[in-house]
Amino acid sequence: GGTPDGGLGTSAELIAEAARTVDRGAGVA
């Protein structure tokens, strides 16, 4: 959620990091 500095918005970097965190090989919704 939000931007890396805590603001409102979306961050491709945060999304990609979150997806890598939850990936167990069965896909990511």
mmCIF file of all heavy atoms, coordinates in Angstrom:
data_MODEL
# 
_entry.id   MODEL 
# 
loop_
_atom_site.group_PDB 
_atom_site.id 
_atom_site.type_symbol 
_atom_site.label_atom_id 
_atom_site.label_alt_id 
_atom_site.label_comp_id 
_atom_site.label_asym_id 
_atom_site.label_entity_id 
_atom_site.label_seq_id 
_atom_site.pdbx_PDB_ins_code 
_atom_site.Cartn_x 
_atom_site.Cartn_y 
_atom_site.Cartn_z 
_atom_site.occupancy 
_atom_site.B_iso_or_equiv 
_atom_site.pdbx_formal_charge 
_atom_site.auth_seq_id 
_atom_site.auth_comp_id 
_atom_site.auth_asym_id 
_atom_site.auth_atom_id 
_atom_site.pdbx_PDB_model_num 
ATOM 1   N N   . GLY A 1 1  ? 0.798  -1.214  0.000  1.00 0.00 ? 1  GLY A N   1 
ATOM 2   C CA  . GLY A 1 1  ? 0.000  0.000   0.000  1.00 0.00 ? 1  GLY A CA  1 
ATOM 3   C C   . GLY A 1 1  ? 0.824  1.253   0.000  1.00 0.00 ? 1  GLY A C   1 
ATOM 4   O O   . GLY A 1 1  ? 1.862  1.328   0.651  1.00 0.00 ? 1  GLY A O   1 
ATOM 5   N N   . GLY A 1 2  ? 0.341  2.226   -0.733 1.00 0.00 ? 2  GLY A N   1 
ATOM 6   C CA  . GLY A 1 2  ? 0.986  3.527   -0.752 1.00 0.00 ? 2  GLY A CA  1 
ATOM 7   C C   . GLY A 1 2  ? 2.312  3.536   -1.483 1.00 0.00 ? 2  GLY A C   1 
ATOM 8   O O   . GLY A 1 2  ? 2.633  2.641   -2.256 1.00 0.00 ? 2  GLY A O   1 
ATOM 9   N N   . THR A 1 3  ? 3.064  4.570   -1.208 1.00 0.00 ? 3  THR A N   1 
ATOM 10  C CA  . THR A 1 3  ? 4.364  4.761   -1.840 1.00 0.00 ? 3  THR A CA  1 
ATOM 11  C C   . THR A 1 3  ? 5.473  4.425   -0.836 1.00 0.00 ? 3  THR A C   1 
ATOM 12  O O   . THR A 1 3  ? 5.226  4.360   0.367  1.00 0.00 ? 3  THR A O   1 
ATOM 13  C CB  . THR A 1 3  ? 4.519  6.221   -2.319 1.00 0.00 ? 3  THR A CB  1 
ATOM 14  O OG1 . THR A 1 3  ? 4.405  7.084   -1.175 1.00 0.00 ? 3  THR A OG1 1 
ATOM 15  C CG2 . THR A 1 3  ? 3.449  6.589   -3.349 1.00 0.00 ? 3  THR A CG2 1 
ATOM 16  N N   . PRO A 1 4  ? 6.691  4.228   -1.311 1.00 0.00 ? 4  PRO A N   1 
ATOM 17  C CA  . PRO A 1 4  ? 7.790  3.883   -0.390 1.00 0.00 ? 4  PRO A CA  1 
ATOM 18  C C   . PRO A 1 4  ? 8.002  4.903   0.730  1.00 0.00 ? 4  PRO A C   1 
ATOM 19  O O   . PRO A 1 4  ? 8.441  4.548   1.820  1.00 0.00 ? 4  PRO A O   1 
ATOM 20  C CB  . PRO A 1 4  ? 9.013  3.800   -1.295 1.00 0.00 ? 4  PRO A CB  1 
ATOM 21  C CG  . PRO A 1 4  ? 8.457  3.393   -2.617 1.00 0.00 ? 4  PRO A CG  1 
ATOM 22  C CD  . PRO A 1 4  ? 7.135  4.143   -2.715 1.00 0.00 ? 4  PRO A CD  1 
ATOM 23  N N   . ASP A 1 5  ? 7.644  6.167   0.484  1.00 0.00 ? 5  ASP A N   1 
ATOM 24  C CA  . ASP A 1 5  ? 7.826  7.188   1.525  1.00 0.00 ? 5  ASP A CA  1 
ATOM 25  C C   . ASP A 1 5  ? 6.602  7.341   2.422  1.00 0.00 ? 5  ASP A C   1 
ATOM 26  O O   . ASP A 1 5  ? 6.535  8.253   3.238  1.00 0.00 ? 5  ASP A O   1 
ATOM 27  C CB  . ASP A 1 5  ? 8.211  8.532   0.899  1.00 0.00 ? 5  ASP A CB  1 
ATOM 28  C CG  . ASP A 1 5  ? 7.111  9.119   0.020  1.00 0.00 ? 5  ASP A CG  1 
ATOM 29  O OD1 . ASP A 1 5  ? 6.046  8.480   -0.137 1.00 0.00 ? 5  ASP A OD1 1 
ATOM 30  O OD2 . ASP A 1 5  ? 7.318  10.230  -0.515 1.00 0.00 ? 5  ASP A OD2 1 
ATOM 31  N N   . GLY A 1 6  ? 5.613  6.437   2.265  1.00 0.00 ? 6  GLY A N   1 
ATOM 32  C CA  . GLY A 1 6  ? 4.432  6.462   3.119  1.00 0.00 ? 6  GLY A CA  1 
ATOM 33  C C   . GLY A 1 6  ? 3.283  7.296   2.601  1.00 0.00 ? 6  GLY A C   1 
ATOM 34  O O   . GLY A 1 6  ? 2.260  7.422   3.266  1.00 0.00 ? 6  GLY A O   1 
ATOM 35  N N   . GLY A 1 7  ? 3.428  7.847   1.408  1.00 0.00 ? 7  GLY A N   1 
ATOM 36  C CA  . GLY A 1 7  ? 2.362  8.669   0.842  1.00 0.00 ? 7  GLY A CA  1 
ATOM 37  C C   . GLY A 1 7  ? 1.283  7.832   0.181  1.00 0.00 ? 7  GLY A C   1 
ATOM 38  O O   . GLY A 1 7  ? 1.357  6.603   0.126  1.00 0.00 ? 7  GLY A O   1 
ATOM 39  N N   . LEU A 1 8  ? 0.287  8.514   -0.332 1.00 0.00 ? 8  LEU A N   1 
ATOM 40  C CA  . LEU A 1 8  ? -0.788 7.855   -1.063 1.00 0.00 ? 8  LEU A CA  1 
ATOM 41  C C   . LEU A 1 8  ? -0.342 7.603   -2.497 1.00 0.00 ? 8  LEU A C   1 
ATOM 42  O O   . LEU A 1 8  ? 0.315  8.450   -3.104 1.00 0.00 ? 8  LEU A O   1 
ATOM 43  C CB  . LEU A 1 8  ? -2.057 8.717   -1.061 1.00 0.00 ? 8  LEU A CB  1 
ATOM 44  C CG  . LEU A 1 8  ? -2.716 8.935   0.296  1.00 0.00 ? 8  LEU A CG  1 
ATOM 45  C CD1 . LEU A 1 8  ? -3.880 9.921   0.162  1.00 0.00 ? 8  LEU A CD1 1 
ATOM 46  C CD2 . LEU A 1 8  ? -3.200 7.622   0.880  1.00 0.00 ? 8  LEU A CD2 1 
ATOM 47  N N   . GLY A 1 9  ? -0.707 6.472   -3.031 1.00 0.00 ? 9  GLY A N   1 
ATOM 48  C CA  . GLY A 1 9  ? -0.347 6.114   -4.402 1.00 0.00 ? 9  GLY A CA  1 
ATOM 49  C C   . GLY A 1 9  ? -0.048 4.633   -4.483 1.00 0.00 ? 9  GLY A C   1 
ATOM 50  O O   . GLY A 1 9  ? -0.342 3.874   -3.562 1.00 0.00 ? 9  GLY A O   1 
ATOM 51  N N   . THR A 1 10 ? 0.523  4.224   -5.594 1.00 0.00 ? 10 THR A N   1 
ATOM 52  C CA  . THR A 1 10 ? 0.939  2.834   -5.741 1.00 0.00 ? 10 THR A CA  1 
ATOM 53  C C   . THR A 1 10 ? 2.399  2.799   -6.166 1.00 0.00 ? 10 THR A C   1 
ATOM 54  O O   . THR A 1 10 ? 2.898  3.718   -6.799 1.00 0.00 ? 10 THR A O   1 
ATOM 55  C CB  . THR A 1 10 ? 0.080  2.072   -6.776 1.00 0.00 ? 10 THR A CB  1 
ATOM 56  O OG1 . THR A 1 10 ? 0.136  2.750   -8.023 1.00 0.00 ? 10 THR A OG1 1 
ATOM 57  C CG2 . THR A 1 10 ? -1.364 1.964   -6.315 1.00 0.00 ? 10 THR A CG2 1 
ATOM 58  N N   . SER A 1 11 ? 3.048  1.710   -5.816 1.00 0.00 ? 11 SER A N   1 
ATOM 59  C CA  . SER A 1 11 ? 4.470  1.565   -6.085 1.00 0.00 ? 11 SER A CA  1 
ATOM 60  C C   . SER A 1 11 ? 4.742  0.204   -6.712 1.00 0.00 ? 11 SER A C   1 
ATOM 61  O O   . SER A 1 11 ? 4.497  -0.827  -6.086 1.00 0.00 ? 11 SER A O   1 
ATOM 62  C CB  . SER A 1 11 ? 5.264  1.692   -4.774 1.00 0.00 ? 11 SER A CB  1 
ATOM 63  O OG  . SER A 1 11 ? 6.563  1.179   -4.913 1.00 0.00 ? 11 SER A OG  1 
ATOM 64  N N   . ALA A 1 12 ? 5.245  0.220   -7.934 1.00 0.00 ? 12 ALA A N   1 
ATOM 65  C CA  . ALA A 1 12 ? 5.613  -1.035  -8.592 1.00 0.00 ? 12 ALA A CA  1 
ATOM 66  C C   . ALA A 1 12 ? 6.633  -1.794  -7.750 1.00 0.00 ? 12 ALA A C   1 
ATOM 67  O O   . ALA A 1 12 ? 6.571  -3.022  -7.638 1.00 0.00 ? 12 ALA A O   1 
ATOM 68  C CB  . ALA A 1 12 ? 6.175  -0.754  -9.988 1.00 0.00 ? 12 ALA A CB  1 
ATOM 69  N N   . GLU A 1 13 ? 7.536  -1.084  -7.124 1.00 0.00 ? 13 GLU A N   1 
ATOM 70  C CA  . GLU A 1 13 ? 8.571  -1.703  -6.287 1.00 0.00 ? 13 GLU A CA  1 
ATOM 71  C C   . GLU A 1 13 ? 7.940  -2.439  -5.093 1.00 0.00 ? 13 GLU A C   1 
ATOM 72  O O   . GLU A 1 13 ? 8.290  -3.586  -4.801 1.00 0.00 ? 13 GLU A O   1 
ATOM 73  C CB  . GLU A 1 13 ? 9.527  -0.624  -5.791 1.00 0.00 ? 13 GLU A CB  1 
ATOM 74  C CG  . GLU A 1 13 ? 10.590 -1.106  -4.833 1.00 0.00 ? 13 GLU A CG  1 
ATOM 75  C CD  . GLU A 1 13 ? 11.438 0.056   -4.324 1.00 0.00 ? 13 GLU A CD  1 
ATOM 76  O OE1 . GLU A 1 13 ? 11.802 0.948   -5.124 1.00 0.00 ? 13 GLU A OE1 1 
ATOM 77  O OE2 . GLU A 1 13 ? 11.728 0.059   -3.116 1.00 0.00 ? 13 GLU A OE2 1 
ATOM 78  N N   . LEU A 1 14 ? 7.006  -1.802  -4.412 1.00 0.00 ? 14 LEU A N   1 
ATOM 79  C CA  . LEU A 1 14 ? 6.361  -2.437  -3.258 1.00 0.00 ? 14 LEU A CA  1 
ATOM 80  C C   . LEU A 1 14 ? 5.501  -3.626  -3.676 1.00 0.00 ? 14 LEU A C   1 
ATOM 81  O O   . LEU A 1 14 ? 5.458  -4.648  -2.979 1.00 0.00 ? 14 LEU A O   1 
ATOM 82  C CB  . LEU A 1 14 ? 5.514  -1.420  -2.491 1.00 0.00 ? 14 LEU A CB  1 
ATOM 83  C CG  . LEU A 1 14 ? 6.263  -0.300  -1.775 1.00 0.00 ? 14 LEU A CG  1 
ATOM 84  C CD1 . LEU A 1 14 ? 5.276  0.657   -1.112 1.00 0.00 ? 14 LEU A CD1 1 
ATOM 85  C CD2 . LEU A 1 14 ? 7.257  -0.849  -0.767 1.00 0.00 ? 14 LEU A CD2 1 
ATOM 86  N N   . ILE A 1 15 ? 4.839  -3.506  -4.815 1.00 0.00 ? 15 ILE A N   1 
ATOM 87  C CA  . ILE A 1 15 ? 4.005  -4.602  -5.313 1.00 0.00 ? 15 ILE A CA  1 
ATOM 88  C C   . ILE A 1 15 ? 4.870  -5.809  -5.652 1.00 0.00 ? 15 ILE A C   1 
ATOM 89  O O   . ILE A 1 15 ? 4.565  -6.945  -5.264 1.00 0.00 ? 15 ILE A O   1 
ATOM 90  C CB  . ILE A 1 15 ? 3.174  -4.148  -6.527 1.00 0.00 ? 15 ILE A CB  1 
ATOM 91  C CG1 . ILE A 1 15 ? 2.172  -3.058  -6.120 1.00 0.00 ? 15 ILE A CG1 1 
ATOM 92  C CG2 . ILE A 1 15 ? 2.448  -5.342  -7.168 1.00 0.00 ? 15 ILE A CG2 1 
ATOM 93  C CD1 . ILE A 1 15 ? 1.551  -2.313  -7.288 1.00 0.00 ? 15 ILE A CD1 1 
ATOM 94  N N   . ALA A 1 16 ? 5.953  -5.585  -6.376 1.00 0.00 ? 16 ALA A N   1 
ATOM 95  C CA  . ALA A 1 16 ? 6.844  -6.684  -6.762 1.00 0.00 ? 16 ALA A CA  1 
ATOM 96  C C   . ALA A 1 16 ? 7.462  -7.340  -5.523 1.00 0.00 ? 16 ALA A C   1 
ATOM 97  O O   . ALA A 1 16 ? 7.552  -8.570  -5.442 1.00 0.00 ? 16 ALA A O   1 
ATOM 98  C CB  . ALA A 1 16 ? 7.931  -6.177  -7.703 1.00 0.00 ? 16 ALA A CB  1 
ATOM 99  N N   . GLU A 1 17 ? 7.861  -6.535  -4.546 1.00 0.00 ? 17 GLU A N   1 
ATOM 100 C CA  . GLU A 1 17 ? 8.439  -7.076  -3.317 1.00 0.00 ? 17 GLU A CA  1 
ATOM 101 C C   . GLU A 1 17 ? 7.409  -7.920  -2.563 1.00 0.00 ? 17 GLU A C   1 
ATOM 102 O O   . GLU A 1 17 ? 7.719  -9.015  -2.084 1.00 0.00 ? 17 GLU A O   1 
ATOM 103 C CB  . GLU A 1 17 ? 8.916  -5.929  -2.426 1.00 0.00 ? 17 GLU A CB  1 
ATOM 104 C CG  . GLU A 1 17 ? 9.538  -6.371  -1.129 1.00 0.00 ? 17 GLU A CG  1 
ATOM 105 C CD  . GLU A 1 17 ? 9.990  -5.181  -0.289 1.00 0.00 ? 17 GLU A CD  1 
ATOM 106 O OE1 . GLU A 1 17 ? 10.482 -4.190  -0.855 1.00 0.00 ? 17 GLU A OE1 1 
ATOM 107 O OE2 . GLU A 1 17 ? 9.824  -5.261  0.936  1.00 0.00 ? 17 GLU A OE2 1 
ATOM 108 N N   . ALA A 1 18 ? 6.179  -7.440  -2.474 1.00 0.00 ? 18 ALA A N   1 
ATOM 109 C CA  . ALA A 1 18 ? 5.124  -8.196  -1.788 1.00 0.00 ? 18 ALA A CA  1 
ATOM 110 C C   . ALA A 1 18 ? 4.853  -9.514  -2.502 1.00 0.00 ? 18 ALA A C   1 
ATOM 111 O O   . ALA A 1 18 ? 4.694  -10.558 -1.869 1.00 0.00 ? 18 ALA A O   1 
ATOM 112 C CB  . ALA A 1 18 ? 3.851  -7.358  -1.700 1.00 0.00 ? 18 ALA A CB  1 
ATOM 113 N N   . ALA A 1 19 ? 4.823  -9.485  -3.830 1.00 0.00 ? 19 ALA A N   1 
ATOM 114 C CA  . ALA A 1 19 ? 4.563  -10.706 -4.601 1.00 0.00 ? 19 ALA A CA  1 
ATOM 115 C C   . ALA A 1 19 ? 5.670  -11.731 -4.388 1.00 0.00 ? 19 ALA A C   1 
ATOM 116 O O   . ALA A 1 19 ? 5.398  -12.927 -4.222 1.00 0.00 ? 19 ALA A O   1 
ATOM 117 C CB  . ALA A 1 19 ? 4.402  -10.379 -6.083 1.00 0.00 ? 19 ALA A CB  1 
ATOM 118 N N   . ARG A 1 20 ? 6.901  -11.282 -4.363 1.00 0.00 ? 20 ARG A N   1 
ATOM 119 C CA  . ARG A 1 20 ? 8.011  -12.209 -4.105 1.00 0.00 ? 20 ARG A CA  1 
ATOM 120 C C   . ARG A 1 20 ? 7.920  -12.793 -2.690 1.00 0.00 ? 20 ARG A C   1 
ATOM 121 O O   . ARG A 1 20 ? 8.237  -13.957 -2.463 1.00 0.00 ? 20 ARG A O   1 
ATOM 122 C CB  . ARG A 1 20 ? 9.360  -11.508 -4.310 1.00 0.00 ? 20 ARG A CB  1 
ATOM 123 C CG  . ARG A 1 20 ? 9.691  -11.242 -5.772 1.00 0.00 ? 20 ARG A CG  1 
ATOM 124 C CD  . ARG A 1 20 ? 11.111 -10.749 -5.952 1.00 0.00 ? 20 ARG A CD  1 
ATOM 125 N NE  . ARG A 1 20 ? 11.366 -9.464  -5.325 1.00 0.00 ? 20 ARG A NE  1 
ATOM 126 C CZ  . ARG A 1 20 ? 11.183 -8.281  -5.893 1.00 0.00 ? 20 ARG A CZ  1 
ATOM 127 N NH1 . ARG A 1 20 ? 10.729 -8.216  -7.138 1.00 0.00 ? 20 ARG A NH1 1 
ATOM 128 N NH2 . ARG A 1 20 ? 11.456 -7.163  -5.256 1.00 0.00 ? 20 ARG A NH2 1 
ATOM 129 N N   . THR A 1 21 ? 7.454  -12.000 -1.752 1.00 0.00 ? 21 THR A N   1 
ATOM 130 C CA  . THR A 1 21 ? 7.332  -12.440 -0.362 1.00 0.00 ? 21 THR A CA  1 
ATOM 131 C C   . THR A 1 21 ? 6.321  -13.568 -0.198 1.00 0.00 ? 21 THR A C   1 
ATOM 132 O O   . THR A 1 21 ? 6.539  -14.490 0.583  1.00 0.00 ? 21 THR A O   1 
ATOM 133 C CB  . THR A 1 21 ? 6.929  -11.242 0.535  1.00 0.00 ? 21 THR A CB  1 
ATOM 134 O OG1 . THR A 1 21 ? 7.946  -10.242 0.449  1.00 0.00 ? 21 THR A OG1 1 
ATOM 135 C CG2 . THR A 1 21 ? 6.744  -11.666 1.978  1.00 0.00 ? 21 THR A CG2 1 
ATOM 136 N N   . VAL A 1 22 ? 5.203  -13.501 -0.932 1.00 0.00 ? 22 VAL A N   1 
ATOM 137 C CA  . VAL A 1 22 ? 4.139  -14.511 -0.756 1.00 0.00 ? 22 VAL A CA  1 
ATOM 138 C C   . VAL A 1 22 ? 4.238  -15.673 -1.737 1.00 0.00 ? 22 VAL A C   1 
ATOM 139 O O   . VAL A 1 22 ? 3.512  -16.647 -1.604 1.00 0.00 ? 22 VAL A O   1 
ATOM 140 C CB  . VAL A 1 22 ? 2.722  -13.889 -0.850 1.00 0.00 ? 22 VAL A CB  1 
ATOM 141 C CG1 . VAL A 1 22 ? 2.543  -12.809 0.206  1.00 0.00 ? 22 VAL A CG1 1 
ATOM 142 C CG2 . VAL A 1 22 ? 2.430  -13.358 -2.250 1.00 0.00 ? 22 VAL A CG2 1 
ATOM 143 N N   . ASP A 1 23 ? 5.119  -15.595 -2.704 1.00 0.00 ? 23 ASP A N   1 
ATOM 144 C CA  . ASP A 1 23 ? 5.226  -16.639 -3.726 1.00 0.00 ? 23 ASP A CA  1 
ATOM 145 C C   . ASP A 1 23 ? 5.783  -17.932 -3.146 1.00 0.00 ? 23 ASP A C   1 
ATOM 146 O O   . ASP A 1 23 ? 6.876  -17.948 -2.577 1.00 0.00 ? 23 ASP A O   1 
ATOM 147 C CB  . ASP A 1 23 ? 6.113  -16.162 -4.868 1.00 0.00 ? 23 ASP A CB  1 
ATOM 148 C CG  . ASP A 1 23 ? 6.283  -17.203 -5.958 1.00 0.00 ? 23 ASP A CG  1 
ATOM 149 O OD1 . ASP A 1 23 ? 5.313  -17.929 -6.234 1.00 0.00 ? 23 ASP A OD1 1 
ATOM 150 O OD2 . ASP A 1 23 ? 7.390  -17.276 -6.530 1.00 0.00 ? 23 ASP A OD2 1 
ATOM 151 N N   . ARG A 1 24 ? 4.994  -18.996 -3.275 1.00 0.00 ? 24 ARG A N   1 
ATOM 152 C CA  . ARG A 1 24 ? 5.436  -20.321 -2.851 1.00 0.00 ? 24 ARG A CA  1 
ATOM 153 C C   . ARG A 1 24 ? 5.477  -21.287 -4.034 1.00 0.00 ? 24 ARG A C   1 
ATOM 154 O O   . ARG A 1 24 ? 5.615  -22.479 -3.866 1.00 0.00 ? 24 ARG A O   1 
ATOM 155 C CB  . ARG A 1 24 ? 4.495  -20.899 -1.774 1.00 0.00 ? 24 ARG A CB  1 
ATOM 156 C CG  . ARG A 1 24 ? 4.323  -20.041 -0.532 1.00 0.00 ? 24 ARG A CG  1 
ATOM 157 C CD  . ARG A 1 24 ? 5.596  -19.980 0.301  1.00 0.00 ? 24 ARG A CD  1 
ATOM 158 N NE  . ARG A 1 24 ? 5.393  -19.269 1.554  1.00 0.00 ? 24 ARG A NE  1 
ATOM 159 C CZ  . ARG A 1 24 ? 5.504  -17.943 1.704  1.00 0.00 ? 24 ARG A CZ  1 
ATOM 160 N NH1 . ARG A 1 24 ? 5.813  -17.178 0.670  1.00 0.00 ? 24 ARG A NH1 1 
ATOM 161 N NH2 . ARG A 1 24 ? 5.313  -17.380 2.880  1.00 0.00 ? 24 ARG A NH2 1 
ATOM 162 N N   . GLY A 1 25 ? 5.289  -20.729 -5.244 1.00 0.00 ? 25 GLY A N   1 
ATOM 163 C CA  . GLY A 1 25 ? 5.337  -21.540 -6.448 1.00 0.00 ? 25 GLY A CA  1 
ATOM 164 C C   . GLY A 1 25 ? 3.988  -21.955 -7.009 1.00 0.00 ? 25 GLY A C   1 
ATOM 165 O O   . GLY A 1 25 ? 3.922  -22.593 -8.056 1.00 0.00 ? 25 GLY A O   1 
ATOM 166 N N   . ALA A 1 26 ? 2.911  -21.606 -6.315 1.00 0.00 ? 26 ALA A N   1 
ATOM 167 C CA  . ALA A 1 26 ? 1.562  -21.985 -6.762 1.00 0.00 ? 26 ALA A CA  1 
ATOM 168 C C   . ALA A 1 26 ? 0.819  -20.826 -7.420 1.00 0.00 ? 26 ALA A C   1 
ATOM 169 O O   . ALA A 1 26 ? -0.344 -20.963 -7.784 1.00 0.00 ? 26 ALA A O   1 
ATOM 170 C CB  . ALA A 1 26 ? 0.747  -22.497 -5.575 1.00 0.00 ? 26 ALA A CB  1 
ATOM 171 N N   . GLY A 1 27 ? 1.476  -19.703 -7.575 1.00 0.00 ? 27 GLY A N   1 
ATOM 172 C CA  . GLY A 1 27 ? 0.848  -18.522 -8.172 1.00 0.00 ? 27 GLY A CA  1 
ATOM 173 C C   . GLY A 1 27 ? 0.586  -17.462 -7.122 1.00 0.00 ? 27 GLY A C   1 
ATOM 174 O O   . GLY A 1 27 ? 0.593  -17.726 -5.921 1.00 0.00 ? 27 GLY A O   1 
ATOM 175 N N   . VAL A 1 28 ? 0.355  -16.253 -7.606 1.00 0.00 ? 28 VAL A N   1 
ATOM 176 C CA  . VAL A 1 28 ? 0.086  -15.114 -6.742 1.00 0.00 ? 28 VAL A CA  1 
ATOM 177 C C   . VAL A 1 28 ? -1.131 -14.380 -7.284 1.00 0.00 ? 28 VAL A C   1 
ATOM 178 O O   . VAL A 1 28 ? -1.139 -13.942 -8.440 1.00 0.00 ? 28 VAL A O   1 
ATOM 179 C CB  . VAL A 1 28 ? 1.296  -14.148 -6.671 1.00 0.00 ? 28 VAL A CB  1 
ATOM 180 C CG1 . VAL A 1 28 ? 0.964  -12.924 -5.821 1.00 0.00 ? 28 VAL A CG1 1 
ATOM 181 C CG2 . VAL A 1 28 ? 2.527  -14.863 -6.130 1.00 0.00 ? 28 VAL A CG2 1 
ATOM 182 N N   . ALA A 1 29 ? -2.163 -14.262 -6.453 1.00 0.00 ? 29 ALA A N   1 
ATOM 183 C CA  . ALA A 1 29 ? -3.360 -13.497 -6.790 1.00 0.00 ? 29 ALA A CA  1 
ATOM 184 C C   . ALA A 1 29 ? -3.152 -12.075 -6.293 1.00 0.00 ? 29 ALA A C   1 
ATOM 185 O O   . ALA A 1 29 ? -2.849 -11.865 -5.118 1.00 0.00 ? 29 ALA A O   1 
ATOM 186 C CB  . ALA A 1 29 ? -4.581 -14.121 -6.128 1.00 0.00 ? 29 ALA A CB  1 
# 
